[in-house]
Amino acid sequence: VAKDLGLQLPALKDRDAHVFDTGRTRYFFVDLKNGHLTMMEQVDREEICAAVAKCVLNFEILVKRPM
């Protein structure tokens, strides 16, 4: 995430970067120690979208203070 946004690691923390999941369950977070998008826990595809051929998890990464 840090690399994709062109930010140094301290800037992610200073700008309070975090993941905003659109669903009820939070699956991801921005690890402010290394700048990576990280999973909170293992994702069970059958539980999330068993009846759908293509499984998509939508989320946004919010960064305070303009880029």
C-alpha atoms as a PDB file:
ATOM      1  CA  VAL A   1       0.000   0.000   0.000  1.00  0.00           C
ATOM      2  CA  ALA A   2       2.766   2.436   0.927  1.00  0.00           C
ATOM      3  CA  LYS A   3       4.570   1.764  -2.355  1.00  0.00           C
ATOM      4  CA  ASP A   4       1.377   2.025  -4.436  1.00  0.00           C
ATOM      5  CA  LEU A   5       0.516   5.368  -2.817  1.00  0.00           C
ATOM      6  CA  GLY A   6       4.088   6.626  -3.147  1.00  0.00           C
ATOM      7  CA  LEU A   7       4.364   7.183   0.614  1.00  0.00           C
ATOM      8  CA  GLN A   8       7.061   6.395   3.134  1.00  0.00           C
ATOM      9  CA  LEU A   9       6.046   4.225   6.100  1.00  0.00           C
ATOM     10  CA  PRO A  10       5.921   7.099   8.626  1.00  0.00           C
ATOM     11  CA  ALA A  11       3.489   8.945   6.353  1.00  0.00           C
ATOM     12  CA  LEU A  12       0.998   6.052   6.505  1.00  0.00           C
ATOM     13  CA  LYS A  13       0.917   6.277  10.281  1.00  0.00           C
ATOM     14  CA  ASP A  14       0.847  10.105  10.297  1.00  0.00           C
ATOM     15  CA  ARG A  15      -2.077  10.097   7.850  1.00  0.00           C
ATOM     16  CA  ASP A  16      -3.934   7.378   9.797  1.00  0.00           C
ATOM     17  CA  ALA A  17      -4.222   5.004   6.822  1.00  0.00           C
ATOM     18  CA  HIS A  18      -6.774   2.267   7.367  1.00  0.00           C
ATOM     19  CA  VAL A  19      -9.027  -0.135   5.489  1.00  0.00           C
ATOM     20  CA  PHE A  20     -12.734   0.525   5.293  1.00  0.00           C
ATOM     21  CA  ASP A  21     -14.570  -2.706   4.470  1.00  0.00           C
ATOM     22  CA  THR A  22     -17.967  -2.389   2.811  1.00  0.00           C
ATOM     23  CA  GLY A  23     -19.333  -5.532   4.472  1.00  0.00           C
ATOM     24  CA  ARG A  24     -20.012  -6.471   8.069  1.00  0.00           C
ATOM     25  CA  THR A  25     -16.788  -8.412   8.552  1.00  0.00           C
ATOM     26  CA  ARG A  26     -13.372  -6.795   8.504  1.00  0.00           C
ATOM     27  CA  TYR A  27     -10.998  -8.983   6.480  1.00  0.00           C
ATOM     28  CA  PHE A  28      -8.012  -6.688   5.857  1.00  0.00           C
ATOM     29  CA  PHE A  29      -5.896  -4.028   7.550  1.00  0.00           C
ATOM     30  CA  VAL A  30      -2.964  -1.832   6.588  1.00  0.00           C
ATOM     31  CA  ASP A  31       0.061  -2.967   8.586  1.00  0.00           C
ATOM     32  CA  LEU A  32       1.664   0.342   9.527  1.00  0.00           C
ATOM     33  CA  LYS A  33       4.953  -1.403  10.400  1.00  0.00           C
ATOM     34  CA  ASN A  34       5.621  -2.549   6.822  1.00  0.00           C
ATOM     35  CA  GLY A  35       2.993  -0.793   4.675  1.00  0.00           C
ATOM     36  CA  HIS A  36       1.395  -4.039   3.449  1.00  0.00           C
ATOM     37  CA  LEU A  37      -2.251  -4.900   3.053  1.00  0.00           C
ATOM     38  CA  THR A  38      -2.694  -7.826   5.455  1.00  0.00           C
ATOM     39  CA  MET A  39      -5.516 -10.264   6.161  1.00  0.00           C
ATOM     40  CA  MET A  40      -7.100 -10.217   9.618  1.00  0.00           C
ATOM     41  CA  GLU A  41      -7.923 -13.914   9.387  1.00  0.00           C
ATOM     42  CA  GLN A  42      -8.263 -16.668   6.819  1.00  0.00           C
ATOM     43  CA  VAL A  43     -11.107 -16.009   4.381  1.00  0.00           C
ATOM     44  CA  ASP A  44     -13.591 -18.861   3.918  1.00  0.00           C
ATOM     45  CA  ARG A  45     -14.804 -18.504   0.319  1.00  0.00           C
ATOM     46  CA  GLU A  46     -17.691 -20.961   0.771  1.00  0.00           C
ATOM     47  CA  GLU A  47     -18.972 -18.985   3.750  1.00  0.00           C
ATOM     48  CA  ILE A  48     -18.734 -15.605   2.023  1.00  0.00           C
ATOM     49  CA  CYS A  49     -20.034 -16.360  -1.461  1.00  0.00           C
ATOM     50  CA  ALA A  50     -20.805 -20.046  -1.899  1.00  0.00           C
ATOM     51  CA  ALA A  51     -23.516 -19.537  -4.531  1.00  0.00           C
ATOM     52  CA  VAL A  52     -21.467 -17.163  -6.708  1.00  0.00           C
ATOM     53  CA  ALA A  53     -18.864 -18.261  -9.263  1.00  0.00           C
ATOM     54  CA  LYS A  54     -16.791 -15.088  -8.885  1.00  0.00           C
ATOM     55  CA  CYS A  55     -16.089 -14.078  -5.278  1.00  0.00           C
ATOM     56  CA  VAL A  56     -15.186 -10.422  -4.694  1.00  0.00           C
ATOM     57  CA  LEU A  57     -14.442  -8.630  -1.424  1.00  0.00           C
ATOM     58  CA  ASN A  58     -14.794  -4.865  -1.728  1.00  0.00           C
ATOM     59  CA  PHE A  59     -12.891  -2.454   0.487  1.00  0.00           C
ATOM     60  CA  GLU A  60     -11.366   1.008   0.411  1.00  0.00           C
ATOM     61  CA  ILE A  61      -8.142   2.307   1.877  1.00  0.00           C
ATOM     62  CA  LEU A  62      -8.649   5.665   3.529  1.00  0.00           C
ATOM     63  CA  VAL A  63      -5.783   8.065   4.109  1.00  0.00           C
ATOM     64  CA  LYS A  64      -6.433  11.255   6.078  1.00  0.00           C
ATOM     65  CA  ARG A  65      -5.010  14.554   4.973  1.00  0.00           C
ATOM     66  CA  PRO A  66      -4.843  15.134   1.220  1.00  0.00           C
ATOM     67  CA  MET A  67      -2.148  13.499  -0.849  1.00  0.00           C
END
